[in-house]
Amino acid sequence: MQGSFEYKIDANGDKVVMGFEMDSISAKALVRLNRYINWADVLKLTENDPEAAYAAERLHTALQHLGS
């Protein structure tokens, strides 16, 4: 069964606002996806790109909170 998942991006200059709306099926799928991602590898790949490394850490944290 496929859940609903919608997003909205509003960009204005340097400010970007992202919003997500999803049902519990999609939320649970994102939590599972978080477990499939090898975050140690992601951080290794981004070791020379501090902005990307920080974004990866924040995304990982957000997905962890979604599952709690």
N, C-alpha and C. Protein backbone atom coordinates (compact mmCIF):
# COMPACT_ATOMS: atom_id res chain seq x y z
N MET A 1 0.84 -1.18 0.00
CA MET A 1 0.00 0.00 0.00
C MET A 1 0.89 1.25 0.00
N GLN A 2 0.56 2.16 -0.84
CA GLN A 2 1.35 3.39 -0.94
C GLN A 2 0.68 4.49 -0.13
N GLY A 3 1.46 5.15 0.70
CA GLY A 3 0.93 6.24 1.51
C GLY A 3 1.01 7.56 0.79
N SER A 4 0.46 8.56 1.43
CA SER A 4 0.53 9.90 0.84
C SER A 4 1.78 10.62 1.35
N PHE A 5 2.41 11.34 0.45
CA PHE A 5 3.63 12.07 0.79
C PHE A 5 3.68 13.28 -0.14
N GLU A 6 3.59 14.45 0.44
CA GLU A 6 3.67 15.68 -0.34
C GLU A 6 4.67 16.61 0.31
N TYR A 7 5.29 17.41 -0.51
CA TYR A 7 6.25 18.38 0.01
C TYR A 7 6.06 19.72 -0.69
N LYS A 8 6.52 20.74 -0.02
CA LYS A 8 6.47 22.09 -0.59
C LYS A 8 7.79 22.76 -0.27
N ILE A 9 8.35 23.40 -1.27
CA ILE A 9 9.60 24.14 -1.10
C ILE A 9 9.34 25.59 -1.46
N ASP A 10 9.68 26.46 -0.54
CA ASP A 10 9.53 27.90 -0.78
C ASP A 10 10.91 28.53 -0.60
N ALA A 11 11.47 29.00 -1.71
CA ALA A 11 12.82 29.58 -1.67
C ALA A 11 12.74 31.05 -2.02
N ASN A 12 13.41 31.85 -1.19
CA ASN A 12 13.45 33.29 -1.40
C ASN A 12 14.83 33.78 -0.97
N GLY A 13 15.69 34.05 -1.93
CA GLY A 13 17.05 34.47 -1.59
C GLY A 13 17.81 33.33 -0.94
N ASP A 14 18.40 33.61 0.22
CA ASP A 14 19.16 32.59 0.95
C ASP A 14 18.28 31.73 1.86
N LYS A 15 17.02 32.05 1.97
CA LYS A 15 16.13 31.33 2.88
C LYS A 15 15.31 30.31 2.09
N VAL A 16 15.33 29.07 2.57
CA VAL A 16 14.55 28.00 1.96
C VAL A 16 13.71 27.36 3.06
N VAL A 17 12.42 27.26 2.80
CA VAL A 17 11.50 26.61 3.75
C VAL A 17 10.95 25.36 3.08
N MET A 18 11.09 24.23 3.76
CA MET A 18 10.57 22.98 3.25
C MET A 18 9.48 22.48 4.19
N GLY A 19 8.40 22.04 3.62
CA GLY A 19 7.32 21.49 4.42
C GLY A 19 6.92 20.12 3.88
N PHE A 20 6.59 19.22 4.78
CA PHE A 20 6.20 17.86 4.39
C PHE A 20 4.87 17.52 5.02
N GLU A 21 4.03 16.87 4.24
CA GLU A 21 2.78 16.32 4.75
C GLU A 21 2.72 14.87 4.30
N MET A 22 2.50 13.97 5.26
CA MET A 22 2.44 12.55 4.92
C MET A 22 1.55 11.83 5.91
N ASP A 23 1.10 10.66 5.51
CA ASP A 23 0.33 9.84 6.42
C ASP A 23 1.29 8.93 7.19
N SER A 24 0.74 8.12 8.09
CA SER A 24 1.58 7.29 8.94
C SER A 24 2.31 6.21 8.14
N ILE A 25 1.77 5.78 7.03
CA ILE A 25 2.44 4.77 6.20
C ILE A 25 3.75 5.35 5.67
N SER A 26 3.71 6.56 5.14
CA SER A 26 4.92 7.19 4.62
C SER A 26 5.89 7.54 5.74
N ALA A 27 5.39 7.96 6.88
CA ALA A 27 6.26 8.28 8.01
C ALA A 27 7.02 7.03 8.47
N LYS A 28 6.33 5.91 8.56
CA LYS A 28 6.99 4.67 8.96
C LYS A 28 7.99 4.22 7.90
N ALA A 29 7.68 4.46 6.64
CA ALA A 29 8.62 4.11 5.57
C ALA A 29 9.89 4.95 5.67
N LEU A 30 9.76 6.24 6.00
CA LEU A 30 10.94 7.09 6.18
C LEU A 30 11.79 6.63 7.35
N VAL A 31 11.14 6.17 8.41
CA VAL A 31 11.88 5.65 9.56
C VAL A 31 12.67 4.41 9.15
N ARG A 32 12.05 3.53 8.36
CA ARG A 32 12.77 2.35 7.87
C ARG A 32 13.91 2.76 6.95
N LEU A 33 13.67 3.72 6.08
CA LEU A 33 14.71 4.21 5.18
C LEU A 33 15.92 4.71 5.97
N ASN A 34 15.67 5.39 7.07
CA ASN A 34 16.75 5.89 7.92
C ASN A 34 17.64 4.74 8.39
N ARG A 35 17.03 3.59 8.66
CA ARG A 35 17.82 2.43 9.12
C ARG A 35 18.63 1.82 7.99
N TYR A 36 18.18 1.96 6.75
CA TYR A 36 18.91 1.39 5.61
C TYR A 36 20.13 2.21 5.22
N ILE A 37 20.12 3.48 5.54
CA ILE A 37 21.22 4.36 5.16
C ILE A 37 22.40 4.14 6.10
N ASN A 38 23.58 3.92 5.53
CA ASN A 38 24.79 3.78 6.33
C ASN A 38 25.34 5.19 6.56
N TRP A 39 24.97 5.77 7.69
CA TRP A 39 25.32 7.16 7.96
C TRP A 39 26.81 7.35 8.16
N ALA A 40 27.51 6.32 8.60
CA ALA A 40 28.98 6.43 8.73
C ALA A 40 29.59 6.62 7.34
N ASP A 41 29.09 5.90 6.35
CA ASP A 41 29.58 6.08 4.99
C ASP A 41 29.24 7.47 4.45
N VAL A 42 28.05 7.93 4.76
CA VAL A 42 27.66 9.27 4.30
C VAL A 42 28.60 10.32 4.87
N LEU A 43 28.89 10.22 6.17
CA LEU A 43 29.79 11.19 6.79
C LEU A 43 31.21 11.09 6.24
N LYS A 44 31.64 9.86 5.91
CA LYS A 44 32.96 9.70 5.28
C LYS A 44 33.00 10.39 3.91
N LEU A 45 31.93 10.20 3.15
CA LEU A 45 31.87 10.79 1.82
C LEU A 45 31.81 12.32 1.86
N THR A 46 31.33 12.86 2.97
CA THR A 46 31.18 14.31 3.07
C THR A 46 32.23 14.96 3.96
N GLU A 47 33.30 14.23 4.28
CA GLU A 47 34.29 14.77 5.22
C GLU A 47 34.97 16.04 4.69
N ASN A 48 35.01 16.22 3.38
CA ASN A 48 35.60 17.44 2.81
C ASN A 48 34.55 18.48 2.44
N ASP A 49 33.33 18.24 2.87
CA ASP A 49 32.22 19.15 2.56
C ASP A 49 31.42 19.37 3.84
N PRO A 50 31.88 20.30 4.70
CA PRO A 50 31.26 20.46 6.01
C PRO A 50 29.76 20.81 5.96
N GLU A 51 29.35 21.56 4.94
CA GLU A 51 27.93 21.91 4.84
C GLU A 51 27.09 20.67 4.56
N ALA A 52 27.57 19.80 3.67
CA ALA A 52 26.85 18.57 3.36
C ALA A 52 26.85 17.62 4.56
N ALA A 53 27.97 17.57 5.28
CA ALA A 53 28.05 16.72 6.47
C ALA A 53 27.05 17.19 7.52
N TYR A 54 26.96 18.49 7.71
CA TYR A 54 26.01 19.04 8.68
C TYR A 54 24.57 18.74 8.25
N ALA A 55 24.29 18.91 6.95
CA ALA A 55 22.95 18.62 6.45
C ALA A 55 22.60 17.15 6.65
N ALA A 56 23.57 16.27 6.42
CA ALA A 56 23.34 14.84 6.62
C ALA A 56 23.05 14.53 8.08
N GLU A 57 23.80 15.14 8.99
CA GLU A 57 23.56 14.93 10.42
C GLU A 57 22.17 15.41 10.83
N ARG A 58 21.76 16.56 10.32
CA ARG A 58 20.44 17.11 10.67
C ARG A 58 19.32 16.24 10.10
N LEU A 59 19.51 15.75 8.86
CA LEU A 59 18.52 14.86 8.26
C LEU A 59 18.40 13.58 9.06
N HIS A 60 19.52 13.02 9.44
CA HIS A 60 19.52 11.79 10.24
C HIS A 60 18.78 12.02 11.56
N THR A 61 19.06 13.14 12.20
CA THR A 61 18.38 13.47 13.47
C THR A 61 16.88 13.62 13.27
N ALA A 62 16.49 14.32 12.20
CA ALA A 62 15.05 14.51 11.94
C ALA A 62 14.35 13.17 11.71
N LEU A 63 15.00 12.27 10.96
CA LEU A 63 14.40 10.96 10.70
C LEU A 63 14.34 10.13 11.98
N GLN A 64 15.33 10.27 12.85
CA GLN A 64 15.28 9.57 14.13
C GLN A 64 14.12 10.07 14.98
N HIS A 65 13.90 11.37 15.00
CA HIS A 65 12.79 11.93 15.78
C HIS A 65 11.45 11.52 15.22
N LEU A 66 11.38 11.34 13.91
CA LEU A 66 10.15 10.89 13.28
C LEU A 66 9.76 9.51 13.80
N GLY A 67 10.76 8.69 14.10
CA GLY A 67 10.51 7.33 14.56
C GLY A 67 10.28 7.20 16.04
N SER A 68 10.41 8.29 16.78
CA SER A 68 10.24 8.14 18.25
C SER A 68 8.88 8.53 18.72
